[in-house]
Protein backbone atom coordinates (compact mmCIF):
# COMPACT_ATOMS: atom_id res chain seq x y z
CA MET A 1 -59.68 -16.62 22.76
CA TYR A 2 -58.41 -14.09 20.23
CA GLU A 3 -58.23 -10.92 22.32
CA GLU A 4 -54.48 -11.37 22.91
CA GLN A 5 -53.76 -11.65 19.20
CA PHE A 6 -55.84 -8.91 17.54
CA TYR A 7 -55.43 -5.19 18.15
CA ILE A 8 -55.67 -1.87 16.32
CA SER A 9 -52.27 -0.43 15.43
CA ASP A 10 -51.31 2.73 13.52
CA SER A 11 -51.44 0.71 10.31
CA GLY A 12 -54.79 -1.01 10.96
CA LEU A 13 -56.13 -4.27 12.39
CA THR A 14 -53.04 -6.23 13.43
CA ILE A 15 -52.20 -9.73 14.65
CA LYS A 16 -49.47 -10.16 17.24
CA TYR A 17 -47.82 -13.35 18.49
CA ALA A 18 -49.14 -15.32 15.52
CA TYR A 19 -49.38 -19.07 15.97
CA GLU A 20 -50.43 -21.96 13.72
CA GLY A 21 -54.00 -22.05 15.04
CA LEU A 22 -54.70 -18.62 13.57
CA ALA A 23 -54.10 -19.85 10.01
CA GLY A 24 -57.19 -20.08 7.83
CA GLU A 25 -59.69 -18.20 5.67
CA TYR A 26 -61.12 -14.92 6.92
CA GLN A 27 -63.85 -12.54 5.75
CA LEU A 28 -64.41 -8.92 6.75
CA VAL A 29 -68.03 -7.73 6.32
CA HIS A 30 -70.24 -4.69 6.95
CA GLN A 31 -72.39 -5.41 9.98
CA GLN A 32 -75.20 -3.18 8.73
CA ASN A 33 -75.86 -4.99 5.46
CA GLY A 34 -73.57 -8.02 5.54
CA SER A 35 -71.71 -7.00 2.38
CA CYS A 36 -68.17 -8.37 2.06
CA VAL A 37 -65.31 -5.88 2.43
CA LEU A 38 -62.34 -8.26 2.25
CA GLN A 39 -61.76 -11.99 2.08
CA PHE A 40 -58.26 -13.39 2.68
CA PHE A 41 -56.35 -16.51 3.64
CA LEU A 42 -53.89 -16.18 6.52
CA ASN A 43 -50.93 -18.51 6.52
CA ILE A 44 -48.63 -18.88 9.53
CA PRO A 45 -45.39 -20.25 8.07
CA ASP A 46 -42.90 -22.00 10.29
CA PRO A 47 -39.68 -19.96 10.00
CA GLY A 48 -37.72 -23.20 10.35
CA GLN A 49 -39.19 -24.44 7.05
CA CYS A 50 -38.28 -21.29 5.09
CA PRO A 51 -35.00 -21.11 3.13
CA SER A 52 -32.73 -18.64 4.88
CA ALA A 53 -29.74 -16.55 3.91
CA ASN A 54 -27.45 -13.87 5.28
CA LEU A 55 -26.66 -10.87 3.12
CA SER A 56 -24.29 -7.97 3.51
CA ILE A 57 -24.24 -4.66 1.63
CA PRO A 58 -21.67 -2.06 2.71
CA GLU A 59 -22.99 1.32 3.78
CA SER A 60 -23.79 3.68 0.82
CA ALA A 61 -23.29 0.83 -1.68
CA SER A 62 -25.79 -1.18 -3.75
CA GLY A 63 -26.49 -4.90 -3.78
CA THR A 64 -28.99 -7.51 -4.93
CA ILE A 65 -31.05 -9.04 -2.14
CA ILE A 66 -33.39 -11.29 -4.17
CA PRO A 67 -32.06 -12.70 -7.48
CA ASN A 68 -34.15 -12.94 -10.64
CA ASP A 69 -34.41 -16.73 -10.50
CA ILE A 70 -36.59 -16.43 -7.38
CA PHE A 71 -39.14 -13.76 -8.21
CA ASN A 72 -39.28 -13.71 -12.03
CA HIS A 73 -41.30 -16.93 -12.00
CA SER A 74 -43.54 -16.09 -9.05
CA ASN A 75 -46.82 -14.16 -8.93
CA SER A 76 -47.57 -11.62 -6.21
CA LEU A 77 -44.67 -11.77 -3.79
CA ALA A 78 -44.51 -9.48 -0.76
CA LEU A 79 -41.45 -8.43 1.24
CA TYR A 80 -41.71 -7.78 4.99
CA LYS A 81 -39.19 -6.47 7.52
CA LYS A 82 -39.31 -7.52 11.14
CA ASN A 83 -39.84 -4.85 13.78
CA HIS A 84 -37.93 -6.28 16.72
CA SER A 85 -39.41 -3.81 19.22
CA SER A 86 -42.94 -5.14 18.58
CA SER A 87 -42.09 -8.55 17.01
CA SER A 88 -44.41 -7.64 14.10
CA TRP A 89 -43.62 -7.77 10.37
CA GLN A 90 -43.75 -4.46 8.49
CA TYR A 91 -44.86 -4.51 4.84
CA ILE A 92 -42.13 -3.11 2.52
CA LEU A 93 -43.13 -3.85 -1.08
CA SER A 94 -44.75 -6.30 -3.50
CA THR A 95 -43.68 -7.69 -6.87
CA ASP A 96 -45.44 -9.54 -9.65
CA LYS A 97 -43.38 -11.61 -12.13
CA GLY A 98 -40.29 -9.47 -11.72
CA HIS A 99 -42.07 -6.10 -11.68
CA LEU A 100 -42.26 -3.81 -8.68
CA ASN A 101 -45.94 -3.24 -7.93
CA HIS A 102 -45.91 -1.13 -4.80
CA SER A 103 -43.55 -0.02 -2.07
CA VAL A 104 -43.92 1.93 1.17
CA ASN A 105 -42.88 5.58 0.77
CA THR A 106 -40.13 5.21 3.36
CA TYR A 107 -38.32 2.68 1.20
CA GLU A 108 -39.16 3.67 -2.38
CA GLU A 109 -35.78 5.39 -2.85
CA GLN A 110 -33.85 2.29 -1.77
CA PHE A 111 -35.52 -0.66 -3.52
CA TYR A 112 -35.63 -1.12 -7.29
CA ILE A 113 -35.58 -3.86 -9.94
CA SER A 114 -32.18 -4.22 -11.63
CA ASP A 115 -30.93 -6.71 -14.24
CA SER A 116 -29.84 -9.05 -11.43
CA GLY A 117 -32.98 -8.88 -9.29
CA LEU A 118 -34.50 -6.91 -6.42
CA THR A 119 -31.77 -4.48 -5.43
CA ILE A 120 -31.01 -2.02 -2.64
CA LYS A 121 -29.19 1.20 -3.50
CA TYR A 122 -27.60 3.74 -1.13
CA ALA A 123 -27.73 1.24 1.74
CA TYR A 124 -27.83 2.76 5.22
CA GLU A 125 -27.82 1.32 8.72
CA GLY A 126 -31.60 1.58 9.14
CA LEU A 127 -32.15 -1.04 6.42
CA ALA A 128 -30.31 -3.72 8.41
CA GLY A 129 -32.51 -6.42 9.91
CA GLU A 130 -34.55 -9.56 9.29
CA TYR A 131 -36.68 -9.83 6.14
CA GLN A 132 -39.17 -12.36 4.83
CA LEU A 133 -40.41 -12.83 1.25
CA VAL A 134 -43.80 -14.56 1.01
CA HIS A 135 -46.41 -15.56 -1.57
CA GLN A 136 -49.36 -13.21 -1.25
CA GLN A 137 -51.84 -15.87 -2.45
CA ASN A 138 -51.22 -18.37 0.33
CA GLY A 139 -48.72 -16.67 2.65
CA SER A 140 -46.11 -19.39 2.21
CA CYS A 141 -42.54 -18.31 2.89
CA VAL A 142 -40.20 -18.07 -0.11
CA LEU A 143 -37.08 -16.70 1.53
CA GLN A 144 -36.05 -15.39 4.94
CA PHE A 145 -32.81 -13.45 5.25
CA PHE A 146 -30.86 -11.17 7.54
CA LEU A 147 -29.43 -8.04 5.93
CA ASN A 148 -26.35 -6.46 7.47
CA ILE A 149 -25.06 -3.00 6.53
CA PRO A 150 -21.40 -2.93 7.66
CA ASP A 151 -19.55 0.35 7.99
CA PRO A 152 -16.52 0.05 5.65
CA GLY A 153 -14.54 2.30 7.99
CA GLN A 154 -14.76 -0.31 10.76
CA CYS A 155 -13.41 -3.16 8.63
CA PRO A 156 -9.69 -4.11 8.65
CA SER A 157 -8.20 -3.25 5.27
CA ALA A 158 -5.20 -4.39 3.24
CA ASN A 159 -3.58 -3.96 -0.17
CA LEU A 160 -2.50 -7.09 -2.02
CA SER A 161 -0.59 -7.59 -5.25
CA ILE A 162 -0.26 -10.74 -7.41
CA PRO A 163 1.69 -10.50 -10.71
CA GLU A 164 -0.16 -11.41 -13.89
CA GLY A 165 -0.13 -15.19 -14.50
CA ALA A 166 1.13 -15.95 -10.98
CA SER A 167 -0.53 -17.35 -7.82
CA GLY A 168 -0.91 -15.78 -4.39
CA THR A 169 -2.82 -16.10 -1.09
CA ILE A 170 -5.47 -13.45 -0.45
CA ASN A 171 -6.94 -14.74 2.84
CA PRO A 172 -4.63 -16.71 5.17
CA ASN A 173 -5.66 -19.81 7.10
CA ASN A 174 -5.69 -17.99 10.46
CA ILE A 175 -8.78 -16.14 9.17
CA LEU A 176 -10.49 -18.97 7.28
CA ASN A 177 -9.99 -21.91 9.63
CA HIS A 178 -11.55 -20.28 12.67
CA SER A 179 -14.59 -18.79 10.99
CA ASN A 180 -17.89 -20.36 9.97
CA SER A 181 -19.61 -19.42 6.72
CA LEU A 182 -17.54 -16.61 5.23
CA ALA A 183 -18.51 -15.00 1.92
CA LEU A 184 -16.27 -13.08 -0.49
CA TYR A 185 -17.65 -10.21 -2.58
CA LYS A 186 -16.07 -8.06 -5.32
CA LYS A 187 -17.12 -4.47 -5.92
CA ASN A 188 -18.56 -3.58 -9.32
CA HIS A 189 -17.45 0.04 -9.69
CA SER A 190 -19.76 0.71 -12.63
CA SER A 191 -22.85 0.03 -10.48
CA SER A 192 -21.34 0.40 -6.95
CA SER A 193 -22.84 -3.02 -6.09
CA TRP A 194 -21.03 -5.99 -4.54
CA GLN A 195 -20.88 -9.19 -6.61
CA TYR A 196 -20.89 -12.54 -4.77
CA ILE A 197 -17.75 -14.56 -5.58
CA LEU A 198 -17.60 -17.55 -3.19
CA SER A 199 -18.24 -18.86 0.32
CA THR A 200 -16.12 -20.90 2.74
CA ASP A 201 -16.84 -22.84 5.91
CA LYS A 202 -14.00 -23.57 8.37
CA GLY A 203 -11.36 -23.56 5.66
CA HIS A 204 -13.37 -25.45 3.02
CA LEU A 205 -14.63 -23.94 -0.22
CA ASN A 206 -18.42 -24.32 -0.29
CA HIS A 207 -19.47 -22.60 -3.47
CA SER A 208 -18.08 -20.23 -6.08
CA VAL A 209 -19.48 -18.41 -9.11
CA ASN A 210 -18.70 -20.32 -12.32
CA MET A 211 -16.62 -17.58 -13.91
CA TYR A 212 -14.21 -17.62 -10.94
CA GLU A 213 -14.02 -21.31 -10.10
CA GLU A 214 -10.79 -21.78 -12.09
CA GLN A 215 -9.01 -18.97 -10.19
CA PHE A 216 -9.92 -19.46 -6.50
CA TYR A 217 -9.01 -22.50 -4.40
CA ILE A 218 -8.00 -23.46 -0.86
CA SER A 219 -4.26 -24.11 -0.55
CA ASP A 220 -2.12 -24.96 2.50
CA SER A 221 -1.68 -21.25 3.15
CA GLY A 222 -5.33 -20.18 2.72
CA LEU A 223 -7.68 -18.87 0.06
CA THR A 224 -5.52 -18.55 -3.05
CA ILE A 225 -5.74 -17.14 -6.57
CA LYS A 226 -4.03 -18.96 -9.42
CA TYR A 227 -3.34 -17.73 -12.96
CA ALA A 228 -4.07 -14.14 -11.95
CA TYR A 229 -5.26 -11.88 -14.76
CA GLU A 230 -6.05 -8.19 -14.99
CA GLY A 231 -9.82 -8.67 -14.67
CA LEU A 232 -9.41 -9.96 -11.08
CA ALA A 233 -8.02 -6.62 -9.89
CA GLY A 234 -10.36 -4.58 -7.71
CA GLU A 235 -11.89 -4.11 -4.27
CA TYR A 236 -12.99 -7.16 -2.26
CA GLN A 237 -14.78 -7.70 1.05
CA LEU A 238 -14.86 -10.84 3.20
CA VAL A 239 -17.88 -11.02 5.54
CA HIS A 240 -19.49 -13.37 8.06
CA GLN A 241 -22.61 -14.86 6.49
CA GLN A 242 -24.33 -15.27 9.87
CA ASN A 243 -24.42 -11.60 10.80
CA GLY A 244 -22.90 -9.85 7.78
CA SER A 245 -20.06 -8.31 9.80
CA CYS A 246 -16.95 -7.42 7.81
CA VAL A 247 -13.85 -9.56 8.39
CA LEU A 248 -11.46 -8.04 5.84
CA GLN A 249 -11.62 -5.49 3.05
CA PHE A 250 -8.75 -5.41 0.56
CA PHE A 251 -7.73 -4.06 -2.82
CA LEU A 252 -6.13 -6.57 -5.17
CA ASN A 253 -3.68 -5.27 -7.76
CA ILE A 254 -2.54 -7.38 -10.76
CA PRO A 255 0.65 -5.81 -12.19
CA VAL A 256 0.92 -6.33 -15.96
CA SER A 257 3.72 -8.67 -17.04
CA GLY A 258 6.79 -7.12 -18.71
CA ARG A 259 6.35 -9.55 -21.60
CA ARG A 260 3.79 -7.20 -23.10
CA HIS A 261 6.43 -4.45 -23.28
CA TYR A 262 8.99 -6.81 -24.79
CA GLY A 263 6.48 -7.70 -27.48
CA LEU A 264 5.95 -4.02 -28.27
CA TYR A 265 9.69 -3.45 -28.62
CA GLY A 266 9.88 -6.41 -31.00
CA VAL A 267 7.13 -4.97 -33.18
CA LEU A 268 8.89 -1.59 -33.34
CA GLY A 269 12.18 -3.23 -34.32
CA LEU A 270 10.49 -5.20 -37.08
CA ALA A 271 8.85 -2.00 -38.35
CA ILE A 272 12.24 -0.27 -38.62
CA ILE A 273 13.71 -3.20 -40.58
CA LEU A 274 10.74 -3.25 -42.97
CA LEU A 275 11.07 0.51 -43.48
CA GLY A 276 14.73 0.08 -44.50
CA LEU A 277 13.84 -2.65 -46.98
CA TYR A 278 11.05 -0.50 -48.40
CA LEU A 279 13.44 2.43 -48.97
CA CYS A 280 15.92 0.24 -50.85
CA TRP A 281 13.13 -1.18 -52.96
CA LYS A 282 11.91 2.31 -53.85
CA TRP A 283 15.48 3.36 -54.80
CA LYS A 284 15.98 0.40 -57.10
CA ARG A 285 12.65 1.12 -58.85
CA GLY A 286 13.87 4.63 -59.71
CA ASP A 287 11.85 6.72 -57.21
CA LYS A 288 15.15 7.87 -55.77
CA GLY A 289 14.16 11.38 -54.71
CA THR A 290 11.29 10.05 -52.63
CA ALA A 291 13.50 7.35 -51.16
CA GLN A 292 16.19 9.89 -50.29
CA LEU A 293 13.65 12.16 -48.60
CA ALA A 294 11.94 9.31 -46.72
CA GLY A 295 15.27 7.81 -45.69
CA GLY A 296 16.53 11.11 -44.33
CA LEU A 297 13.34 11.79 -42.43
CA ALA A 298 13.26 8.24 -41.04
CA ASN A 299 16.77 8.40 -39.53
CA GLY A 300 16.50 12.04 -38.48
CA THR A 301 19.36 13.36 -40.61
CA LEU A 302 17.26 15.43 -43.03
CA PRO A 303 14.76 17.75 -41.38
CA PRO A 304 12.06 19.10 -43.71
CA GLU A 305 13.59 22.61 -43.80
CA SER A 306 17.13 21.42 -44.79
CA PRO A 307 18.57 22.51 -48.17
CA GLU A 308 18.89 18.91 -49.25
CA VAL A 309 15.18 18.31 -48.77
CA GLN A 310 14.25 21.56 -50.45
CA GLU A 311 16.53 20.70 -53.38
CA SER A 312 15.11 17.22 -53.74
CA SER A 313 11.56 18.51 -53.80
CA ALA A 314 12.06 21.64 -55.96
CA ASP A 315 14.82 20.79 -58.45
CA PRO A 316 15.88 17.67 -60.31
CA PRO A 317 18.25 15.63 -58.11
CA ARG A 318 21.97 16.08 -58.65
CA ARG A 319 23.83 13.12 -60.01
CA GLU A 320 26.94 11.99 -58.20
CA ASN A 321 29.01 9.34 -60.01
CA GLY A 322 26.06 8.56 -62.26
CA ASN A 323 23.58 8.12 -59.37
CA SER A 324 20.84 10.37 -58.09
CA PHE A 325 21.54 9.16 -54.55
CA PRO A 326 24.73 10.04 -52.64
CA HIS A 327 24.86 6.43 -51.42
CA GLU A 328 24.29 3.22 -53.31
CA CYS A 329 22.26 0.29 -52.05
CA ASP A 330 23.84 -3.15 -51.77
CA THR A 331 21.65 -5.47 -53.87
CA GLU A 332 22.48 -8.51 -51.72
CA THR A 333 21.99 -7.06 -48.21
CA ASN A 334 19.69 -4.14 -49.11
CA ALA A 335 21.90 -1.90 -46.94
CA PHE A 336 23.17 1.57 -47.87
CA LEU A 337 26.82 1.65 -49.02
CA PRO A 338 29.14 4.40 -47.75
């Protein structure tokens, strides 16, 4: 009754076409002396009962496939990838409480533990496919997902610009309304990974990351950003969650408001006024040579090599009409008199 299910493959004794009746406890023993070689429990999970997801990581980029909140609190998880030519599941790696225990040599360069979870780096087309994460103790399914590796060169691209503090549509309704389960990602250039931002379903906002929920909303014209700020600038990708195919890739620019420049000009003007008041104050206190030198340098009329500057620094200042300064300072307005 089992000859159709068990066979010897390149990797060892293998089960094919698993069904619920095969679930149970098994023991492998030496026939010569009856000693136990391996004892294990085989679980046959129903894929329909396993949480599922669709993920997309652009080619050559990095992205998290299993977040920390799933595998940090679980012992002995194993990740498998489905081989569609044989309908078998190929072992990829195992983790234990957030630590990578073992991975197949073919994949050890691509999978690693990052701050955000189990992550793929340098994604390539061969990694695309169906994966399943299971508990090694009882074989129960934790997560089943389809990973797509879209080629960025095949995705329609655009360049968008929304001024700082303003609002603007980034994805029009003709894209959103006719598509099921779209997801928006933003590229993190420091790590080359794609950060999940939000998802939509037929024009309705399903879910968004907390830090962005105040900026993104569905308006009459489509997916819209309000109160744009500089931190929203960057590269985005909109993908189908079912198959991970790219719908739109765009770069969002947030031009800085001119108010920042006006503020800078105001500060410079105030600095010039304060400098004038300081020079008058210095003159009235008697430090007239220093005030004369500083005043000349400030307005550009007395370069350091001029005779006036040399005279003021080397010799006692000349007195003109009883003053050491060629111009008097008005005590009421603090301005220089002609």
